[in-house]
C-alpha atoms as a PDB file:
ATOM      1  CA  MET A   1     -25.294 -70.889  -9.357  1.00  0.00           C
ATOM      2  CA  ILE A   2     -21.467 -69.794  -8.740  1.00  0.00           C
ATOM      3  CA  LYS A   3     -20.049 -70.766  -5.289  1.00  0.00           C
ATOM      4  CA  ILE A   4     -18.080 -68.320  -3.386  1.00  0.00           C
ATOM      5  CA  GLU A   5     -15.417 -70.224  -1.418  1.00  0.00           C
ATOM      6  CA  LYS A   6     -12.975 -67.051  -0.465  1.00  0.00           C
ATOM      7  CA  LYS A   7     -13.603 -64.056   1.821  1.00  0.00           C
ATOM      8  CA  ILE A   8     -15.034 -61.167  -0.218  1.00  0.00           C
ATOM      9  CA  VAL A   9     -13.008 -58.179   0.245  1.00  0.00           C
ATOM     10  CA  GLY A  10     -14.379 -55.772  -2.327  1.00  0.00           C
ATOM     11  CA  TYR A  11     -16.591 -55.523  -5.271  1.00  0.00           C
ATOM     12  CA  ALA A  12     -17.114 -53.220  -8.252  1.00  0.00           C
ATOM     13  CA  VAL A  13     -20.203 -52.545 -10.825  1.00  0.00           C
ATOM     14  CA  ASN A  14     -19.542 -53.586 -14.292  1.00  0.00           C
ATOM     15  CA  LYS A  15     -21.019 -50.685 -16.521  1.00  0.00           C
ATOM     16  CA  PRO A  16     -20.914 -50.169 -20.360  1.00  0.00           C
ATOM     17  CA  ALA A  17     -18.062 -48.570 -22.339  1.00  0.00           C
ATOM     18  CA  GLU A  18     -20.003 -45.543 -22.934  1.00  0.00           C
ATOM     19  CA  GLU A  19     -21.092 -44.775 -19.648  1.00  0.00           C
ATOM     20  CA  GLU A  20     -17.491 -45.351 -18.215  1.00  0.00           C
ATOM     21  CA  GLN A  21     -16.190 -42.991 -20.920  1.00  0.00           C
ATOM     22  CA  ALA A  22     -18.693 -40.264 -19.684  1.00  0.00           C
ATOM     23  CA  ALA A  23     -17.970 -40.853 -15.970  1.00  0.00           C
ATOM     24  CA  LYS A  24     -14.358 -40.107 -16.578  1.00  0.00           C
ATOM     25  CA  PRO A  25     -13.879 -37.325 -19.069  1.00  0.00           C
ATOM     26  CA  ASP A  26     -10.638 -36.891 -20.686  1.00  0.00           C
ATOM     27  CA  PHE A  27      -9.098 -33.272 -19.902  1.00  0.00           C
ATOM     28  CA  LYS A  28      -6.757 -32.267 -22.715  1.00  0.00           C
ATOM     29  CA  ARG A  29      -3.307 -31.247 -20.837  1.00  0.00           C
ATOM     30  CA  GLU A  30      -1.493 -28.598 -21.673  1.00  0.00           C
ATOM     31  CA  GLY A  31       1.724 -29.612 -23.545  1.00  0.00           C
ATOM     32  CA  GLY A  32       0.513 -33.322 -24.335  1.00  0.00           C
ATOM     33  CA  GLY A  33       2.189 -36.302 -23.208  1.00  0.00           C
ATOM     34  CA  ASP A  34       1.704 -38.338 -20.053  1.00  0.00           C
ATOM     35  CA  ARG A  35       3.013 -35.983 -17.791  1.00  0.00           C
ATOM     36  CA  ALA A  36       0.399 -33.719 -16.043  1.00  0.00           C
ATOM     37  CA  GLU A  37       0.799 -30.162 -16.939  1.00  0.00           C
ATOM     38  CA  VAL A  38      -1.138 -27.063 -15.308  1.00  0.00           C
ATOM     39  CA  ILE A  39      -4.571 -26.158 -17.420  1.00  0.00           C
ATOM     40  CA  ARG A  40      -4.155 -22.562 -17.906  1.00  0.00           C
ATOM     41  CA  MET A  41      -7.606 -20.548 -17.787  1.00  0.00           C
ATOM     42  CA  HIS A  42      -6.444 -18.328 -20.608  1.00  0.00           C
ATOM     43  CA  GLU A  43      -3.687 -17.811 -23.308  1.00  0.00           C
ATOM     44  CA  LYS A  44      -0.034 -18.089 -22.628  1.00  0.00           C
ATOM     45  CA  LEU A  45       1.679 -14.970 -23.115  1.00  0.00           C
ATOM     46  CA  GLU A  46       5.684 -14.925 -23.895  1.00  0.00           C
ATOM     47  CA  ARG A  47       7.499 -12.082 -22.578  1.00  0.00           C
ATOM     48  CA  PRO A  48       8.396  -9.667 -25.297  1.00  0.00           C
ATOM     49  CA  GLU A  49      12.022  -8.300 -25.710  1.00  0.00           C
ATOM     50  CA  VAL A  50      11.032  -4.645 -24.394  1.00  0.00           C
ATOM     51  CA  LEU A  51       8.644  -3.579 -21.723  1.00  0.00           C
ATOM     52  CA  ILE A  52       7.699  -0.292 -20.328  1.00  0.00           C
ATOM     53  CA  GLY A  53       7.428   0.376 -16.603  1.00  0.00           C
ATOM     54  CA  SER A  54       8.079   2.539 -13.381  1.00  0.00           C
ATOM     55  CA  THR A  55      10.192   2.587 -10.790  1.00  0.00           C
ATOM     56  CA  TYR A  56       9.433   3.822  -7.447  1.00  0.00           C
ATOM     57  CA  LYS A  57      11.718   4.692  -4.658  1.00  0.00           C
ATOM     58  CA  VAL A  58      10.912   3.581  -0.804  1.00  0.00           C
ATOM     59  CA  LYS A  59      13.007   5.118   1.795  1.00  0.00           C
ATOM     60  CA  THR A  60      11.874   3.799   5.421  1.00  0.00           C
ATOM     61  CA  PRO A  61      13.082   4.750   8.579  1.00  0.00           C
ATOM     62  CA  VAL A  62      13.569   1.193   9.298  1.00  0.00           C
ATOM     63  CA  SER A  63      16.615   0.645   7.201  1.00  0.00           C
ATOM     64  CA  ASP A  64      19.717   2.790   6.053  1.00  0.00           C
ATOM     65  CA  HIS A  65      19.421   1.756   2.683  1.00  0.00           C
ATOM     66  CA  ALA A  66      16.383   2.685   0.066  1.00  0.00           C
ATOM     67  CA  MET A  67      14.511   0.131  -1.979  1.00  0.00           C
ATOM     68  CA  TYR A  68      13.461   0.558  -5.585  1.00  0.00           C
ATOM     69  CA  VAL A  69      10.529  -1.090  -6.990  1.00  0.00           C
ATOM     70  CA  THR A  70      10.405  -1.569 -10.649  1.00  0.00           C
ATOM     71  CA  ILE A  71       6.886  -2.457 -12.030  1.00  0.00           C
ATOM     72  CA  ASN A  72       7.065  -3.591 -15.951  1.00  0.00           C
ATOM     73  CA  ASP A  73       3.653  -3.556 -18.091  1.00  0.00           C
ATOM     74  CA  ILE A  74       2.683  -5.387 -21.136  1.00  0.00           C
ATOM     75  CA  ILE A  75       0.617  -3.946 -23.743  1.00  0.00           C
ATOM     76  CA  LEU A  76      -2.353  -5.805 -25.139  1.00  0.00           C
ATOM     77  CA  ASN A  77      -3.935  -5.986 -28.268  1.00  0.00           C
ATOM     78  CA  GLU A  78      -1.416  -2.775 -29.252  1.00  0.00           C
ATOM     79  CA  GLY A  79      -2.790  -0.522 -31.898  1.00  0.00           C
ATOM     80  CA  THR A  80      -6.274  -1.448 -31.552  1.00  0.00           C
ATOM     81  CA  GLU A  81      -9.473   0.087 -30.007  1.00  0.00           C
ATOM     82  CA  HIS A  82      -9.271  -2.568 -27.280  1.00  0.00           C
ATOM     83  CA  GLU A  83      -5.602  -1.672 -26.352  1.00  0.00           C
ATOM     84  CA  LYS A  84      -4.873  -2.316 -22.482  1.00  0.00           C
ATOM     85  CA  ARG A  85      -1.963  -1.653 -20.368  1.00  0.00           C
ATOM     86  CA  ARG A  86      -1.591  -4.506 -17.461  1.00  0.00           C
ATOM     87  CA  PRO A  87       1.494  -5.298 -14.955  1.00  0.00           C
ATOM     88  CA  PHE A  88       3.458  -8.229 -16.142  1.00  0.00           C
ATOM     89  CA  GLU A  89       6.390  -8.398 -13.730  1.00  0.00           C
ATOM     90  CA  ILE A  90       8.161  -6.867 -10.507  1.00  0.00           C
ATOM     91  CA  PHE A  91      11.279  -6.234  -9.265  1.00  0.00           C
ATOM     92  CA  ILE A  92      12.845  -5.221  -5.998  1.00  0.00           C
ATOM     93  CA  ASN A  93      16.336  -3.984  -5.557  1.00  0.00           C
ATOM     94  CA  SER A  94      17.898  -2.922  -2.587  1.00  0.00           C
ATOM     95  CA  LYS A  95      21.774  -2.575  -1.050  1.00  0.00           C
ATOM     96  CA  ASN A  96      19.935  -4.297   2.223  1.00  0.00           C
ATOM     97  CA  LEU A  97      20.779  -8.139   2.380  1.00  0.00           C
ATOM     98  CA  ASP A  98      18.815  -8.426   5.288  1.00  0.00           C
ATOM     99  CA  HIS A  99      15.673  -9.058   3.579  1.00  0.00           C
ATOM    100  CA  TYR A 100      16.779 -10.680   0.486  1.00  0.00           C
ATOM    101  CA  GLN A 101      15.028 -13.931   0.753  1.00  0.00           C
ATOM    102  CA  TRP A 102      11.425 -12.765   1.321  1.00  0.00           C
ATOM    103  CA  ILE A 103      12.302  -9.961  -1.641  1.00  0.00           C
ATOM    104  CA  VAL A 104      12.964 -12.532  -3.931  1.00  0.00           C
ATOM    105  CA  ALA A 105      10.283 -15.106  -3.110  1.00  0.00           C
ATOM    106  CA  LEU A 106       7.435 -11.924  -2.906  1.00  0.00           C
ATOM    107  CA  THR A 107       8.413 -10.695  -6.464  1.00  0.00           C
ATOM    108  CA  ARG A 108       8.251 -14.233  -7.853  1.00  0.00           C
ATOM    109  CA  ILE A 109       4.600 -14.642  -6.555  1.00  0.00           C
ATOM    110  CA  ILE A 110       3.528 -11.237  -7.564  1.00  0.00           C
ATOM    111  CA  SER A 111       5.096 -11.467 -11.057  1.00  0.00           C
ATOM    112  CA  ALA A 112       3.256 -14.842 -11.401  1.00  0.00           C
ATOM    113  CA  VAL A 113       0.282 -13.587 -10.055  1.00  0.00           C
ATOM    114  CA  PHE A 114       0.471 -10.528 -12.819  1.00  0.00           C
ATOM    115  CA  ARG A 115       1.197 -13.139 -15.406  1.00  0.00           C
ATOM    116  CA  LYS A 116      -1.724 -15.320 -14.652  1.00  0.00           C
ATOM    117  CA  GLY A 117      -4.051 -12.401 -15.826  1.00  0.00           C
ATOM    118  CA  GLY A 118      -7.500 -11.492 -14.303  1.00  0.00           C
ATOM    119  CA  ASP A 119      -8.080  -9.087 -11.532  1.00  0.00           C
ATOM    120  CA  VAL A 120      -4.933  -8.975  -9.922  1.00  0.00           C
ATOM    121  CA  THR A 121      -6.340  -5.606  -7.530  1.00  0.00           C
ATOM    122  CA  PHE A 122      -6.784  -8.001  -4.565  1.00  0.00           C
ATOM    123  CA  LEU A 123      -2.904  -7.637  -3.984  1.00  0.00           C
ATOM    124  CA  VAL A 124      -3.388  -4.467  -2.959  1.00  0.00           C
ATOM    125  CA  GLU A 125      -5.410  -5.058   0.209  1.00  0.00           C
ATOM    126  CA  GLU A 126      -3.667  -8.441   0.991  1.00  0.00           C
ATOM    127  CA  LEU A 127       0.005  -6.648   1.109  1.00  0.00           C
ATOM    128  CA  LYS A 128      -1.472  -3.702   2.838  1.00  0.00           C
ATOM    129  CA  ALA A 129      -3.328  -5.686   5.659  1.00  0.00           C
ATOM    130  CA  VAL A 130       0.477  -6.956   6.500  1.00  0.00           C
ATOM    131  CA  PHE A 131       1.716  -6.049   9.961  1.00  0.00           C
ATOM    132  CA  ASP A 132       5.195  -5.916  11.472  1.00  0.00           C
ATOM    133  CA  PRO A 133       5.573  -7.682  15.044  1.00  0.00           C
ATOM    134  CA  ARG A 134       7.782  -4.976  15.639  1.00  0.00           C
ATOM    135  CA  GLY A 135       5.668  -2.165  14.756  1.00  0.00           C
ATOM    136  CA  GLY A 136       5.338   0.113  11.986  1.00  0.00           C
ATOM    137  CA  TYR A 137       6.703   3.359  11.112  1.00  0.00           C
ATOM    138  CA  TRP A 138       5.671   7.088  10.045  1.00  0.00           C
ATOM    139  CA  GLN A 139       6.241   8.378   6.826  1.00  0.00           C
ATOM    140  CA  THR A 140       7.411  11.759   5.969  1.00  0.00           C
ATOM    141  CA  GLY A 141       4.034  13.701   6.013  1.00  0.00           C
ATOM    142  CA  GLY A 142       2.473  11.790   9.242  1.00  0.00           C
ATOM    143  CA  LYS A 143       1.307   8.725   7.230  1.00  0.00           C
ATOM    144  CA  PHE A 144       1.653   5.509   9.595  1.00  0.00           C
ATOM    145  CA  MET A 145       2.842   2.805   7.842  1.00  0.00           C
ATOM    146  CA  PRO A 146       2.343  -0.843   9.242  1.00  0.00           C
ATOM    147  CA  SER A 147       5.191  -2.803   7.712  1.00  0.00           C
ATOM    148  CA  ILE A 148       7.580  -2.583   4.651  1.00  0.00           C
ATOM    149  CA  ILE A 149       5.136  -4.959   3.213  1.00  0.00           C
ATOM    150  CA  ALA A 150       2.346  -2.588   3.543  1.00  0.00           C
ATOM    151  CA  GLU A 151       4.323  -0.160   1.855  1.00  0.00           C
ATOM    152  CA  LEU A 152       4.957  -2.093  -1.136  1.00  0.00           C
ATOM    153  CA  GLY A 153       1.089  -2.635  -1.557  1.00  0.00           C
ATOM    154  CA  HIS A 154       0.802   1.126  -1.349  1.00  0.00           C
ATOM    155  CA  ILE A 155       3.367   1.331  -4.475  1.00  0.00           C
ATOM    156  CA  VAL A 156       1.282  -1.467  -6.624  1.00  0.00           C
ATOM    157  CA  GLU A 157      -1.955   0.200  -5.629  1.00  0.00           C
ATOM    158  CA  LYS A 158      -0.257   3.630  -6.845  1.00  0.00           C
ATOM    159  CA  HIS A 159       1.029   1.865 -10.293  1.00  0.00           C
ATOM    160  CA  LEU A 160      -2.633   0.380 -10.763  1.00  0.00           C
ATOM    161  CA  ILE A 161      -3.988   3.520 -10.457  1.00  0.00           C
ATOM    162  CA  MET A 162      -1.737   5.262 -12.738  1.00  0.00           C
ATOM    163  CA  ILE A 163      -2.220   2.735 -15.627  1.00  0.00           C
ATOM    164  CA  GLY A 164      -6.145   2.594 -15.099  1.00  0.00           C
ATOM    165  CA  LEU A 165      -6.654  -0.561 -13.735  1.00  0.00           C
ATOM    166  CA  MET A 166      -7.782   0.761 -10.269  1.00  0.00           C
ATOM    167  CA  ALA A 167      -9.988   4.087  -9.307  1.00  0.00           C
ATOM    168  CA  SER A 168      -8.352   6.600  -7.584  1.00  0.00           C
ATOM    169  CA  PRO A 169     -10.012   6.557  -3.947  1.00  0.00           C
ATOM    170  CA  GLU A 170     -12.139   9.772  -3.567  1.00  0.00           C
ATOM    171  CA  LEU A 171     -14.274  11.022  -0.845  1.00  0.00           C
ATOM    172  CA  ASN A 172     -18.316  11.397  -1.300  1.00  0.00           C
ATOM    173  CA  GLU A 173     -19.770  14.562  -0.776  1.00  0.00           C
ATOM    174  CA  HIS A 174     -20.517  13.950   2.910  1.00  0.00           C
ATOM    175  CA  GLN A 175     -17.159  12.998   3.941  1.00  0.00           C
ATOM    176  CA  LYS A 176     -15.697  15.968   2.128  1.00  0.00           C
ATOM    177  CA  LYS A 177     -18.200  18.418   4.263  1.00  0.00           C
ATOM    178  CA  VAL A 178     -17.114  16.912   7.364  1.00  0.00           C
ATOM    179  CA  ILE A 179     -13.895  17.487   6.712  1.00  0.00           C
ATOM    180  CA  ALA A 180     -14.415  21.098   5.639  1.00  0.00           C
ATOM    181  CA  GLU A 181     -16.308  21.470   8.758  1.00  0.00           C
ATOM    182  CA  LYS A 182     -13.283  20.133  10.824  1.00  0.00           C
ATOM    183  CA  ARG A 183     -10.763  22.161   8.995  1.00  0.00           C
ATOM    184  CA  ALA A 184     -12.573  25.394   9.431  1.00  0.00           C
ATOM    185  CA  GLU A 185     -13.156  24.676  12.994  1.00  0.00           C
ATOM    186  CA  PHE A 186      -9.410  24.035  13.411  1.00  0.00           C
ATOM    187  CA  GLU A 187      -8.582  27.308  11.517  1.00  0.00           C
ATOM    188  CA  GLU A 188     -10.962  29.037  13.875  1.00  0.00           C
ATOM    189  CA  SER A 189      -9.244  27.689  16.746  1.00  0.00           C
ATOM    190  CA  GLN A 190      -5.818  28.554  15.889  1.00  0.00           C
ATOM    191  CA  LYS A 191      -6.736  32.088  15.667  1.00  0.00           C
ATOM    192  CA  GLN A 192      -7.216  32.189  19.475  1.00  0.00           C
ATOM    193  CA  GLN A 193      -3.511  32.364  20.474  1.00  0.00           C
ATOM    194  CA  ASP A 194      -2.777  33.411  24.233  1.00  0.00           C
ATOM    195  CA  ALA A 195      -0.927  36.500  24.936  1.00  0.00           C
ATOM    196  CA  PHE A 196       2.687  34.723  25.153  1.00  0.00           C
ATOM    197  CA  SER A 197       2.402  32.910  21.694  1.00  0.00           C
ATOM    198  CA  LYS A 198       3.486  36.013  19.935  1.00  0.00           C
ATOM    199  CA  SER A 199       4.675  39.435  20.990  1.00  0.00           C
ATOM    200  CA  ASP A 200       6.753  42.547  20.008  1.00  0.00           C
ATOM    201  CA  TYR A 201       8.698  43.041  23.142  1.00  0.00           C
ATOM    202  CA  PRO A 202      11.899  41.486  24.677  1.00  0.00           C
ATOM    203  CA  GLU A 203      11.918  37.900  24.970  1.00  0.00           C
ATOM    204  CA  GLY A 204      11.360  36.805  28.530  1.00  0.00           C
ATOM    205  CA  ALA A 205       9.005  39.535  29.308  1.00  0.00           C
ATOM    206  CA  GLN A 206       6.416  39.356  31.845  1.00  0.00           C
ATOM    207  CA  LEU A 207       2.601  40.149  32.168  1.00  0.00           C
ATOM    208  CA  CYS A 208       1.713  43.494  33.173  1.00  0.00           C
ATOM    209  CA  SER A 209      -1.305  43.323  35.545  1.00  0.00           C
ATOM    210  CA  LYS A 210      -2.279  46.589  34.692  1.00  0.00           C
ATOM    211  CA  CYS A 211      -2.304  46.330  30.972  1.00  0.00           C
ATOM    212  CA  ASN A 212      -2.313  42.700  30.471  1.00  0.00           C
ATOM    213  CA  THR A 213       0.396  42.998  28.139  1.00  0.00           C
ATOM    214  CA  VAL A 214       3.540  40.819  28.122  1.00  0.00           C
ATOM    215  CA  ALA A 215       5.974  43.823  28.208  1.00  0.00           C
ATOM    216  CA  VAL A 216       7.245  43.858  31.875  1.00  0.00           C
ATOM    217  CA  ILE A 217      11.140  43.997  32.060  1.00  0.00           C
ATOM    218  CA  MET A 218      13.752  44.621  34.401  1.00  0.00           C
ATOM    219  CA  MET A 219      15.145  47.939  33.718  1.00  0.00           C
ATOM    220  CA  ASP A 220      17.348  49.958  36.282  1.00  0.00           C
ATOM    221  CA  GLY A 221      16.837  47.320  38.699  1.00  0.00           C
ATOM    222  CA  CYS A 222      12.731  47.576  38.697  1.00  0.00           C
ATOM    223  CA  LEU A 223      10.077  46.028  36.953  1.00  0.00           C
ATOM    224  CA  THR A 224       8.729  48.304  34.073  1.00  0.00           C
ATOM    225  CA  CYS A 225       6.189  47.663  31.601  1.00  0.00           C
ATOM    226  CA  LEU A 226       7.191  48.780  28.208  1.00  0.00           C
ATOM    227  CA  SER A 227       3.648  48.989  26.927  1.00  0.00           C
ATOM    228  CA  CYS A 228       1.813  51.279  29.510  1.00  0.00           C
ATOM    229  CA  GLY A 229       4.934  52.890  31.493  1.00  0.00           C
ATOM    230  CA  ASP A 230       3.713  51.027  34.678  1.00  0.00           C
ATOM    231  CA  SER A 231       6.718  50.359  37.409  1.00  0.00           C
ATOM    232  CA  LYS A 232       7.017  48.905  40.602  1.00  0.00           C
ATOM    233  CA  CYS A 233       9.035  51.820  41.608  1.00  0.00           C
ATOM    234  CA  GLY A 234       6.458  54.314  41.280  1.00  0.00           C
END
C-alpha cells in the first residue's frame, strides 16, 4: 500500500504510448518549424507578373469625386479544357481621402477572400446588404442604392457575371407576364389625357363651355373661342 500524506490537487490517467499518439495526431504545418502556420485548404497560388482585369467607374451623388474599381483575374489551367477565370484581387482608387481607411481595409479583405478560392459569390449579398445610416442615394435611371458599399457589391456581381462565375438574374415566365400586363395597363392609362395636356391653341387658353375645347382667348376685349367662334360679346 502507498500512503498519501499530501493533499490531492489533481490526477491523470496513464495511457500506453500508442493510445496517447492516436489521441493527439500530429498535423503537418505549412512551412515546417515550431511556429504555427495557417493550414490552407488548397494549393497556394503565386501572383503572376501580368493579370487581366476590368475597371468600373462609380460616380455617386454623395461625393464630388468618382471611384474607380479594378478587379484583376487569374487564369487557372490555361490552355486546357479545364481553363477557368477567377477573381484574384481588387483595387479602389479615388481622389476623395475621406474614405481612404475603409477603402484600404475593404480591398485587402476582399482580395484575401478572392485568393482563398472556393465560392466567393457570397461577397455580393454581404456587400449589397450594407446600409448607410445617413441614408442612401438614387442612381441615374431611378435605381436606389442603400450605400457606397452596396454599390461595390453590385460591381462585384457584375464582374462575376461577366467572367461566368455567377448566372445573370433572369425573371421567370410568371414574372415576365405580370410585368407585361402592368406595362400595357400603364401605356393604356397614358393615352387618356385631359384636354389641357396638349393643345394646338395658344398657351393660356381656357376651356370653351360650348365645344369643350381649350381655345378661349381674350380677343378685342372679349372672350372668344378659336375653335367654334363662340363669343361672350355675341
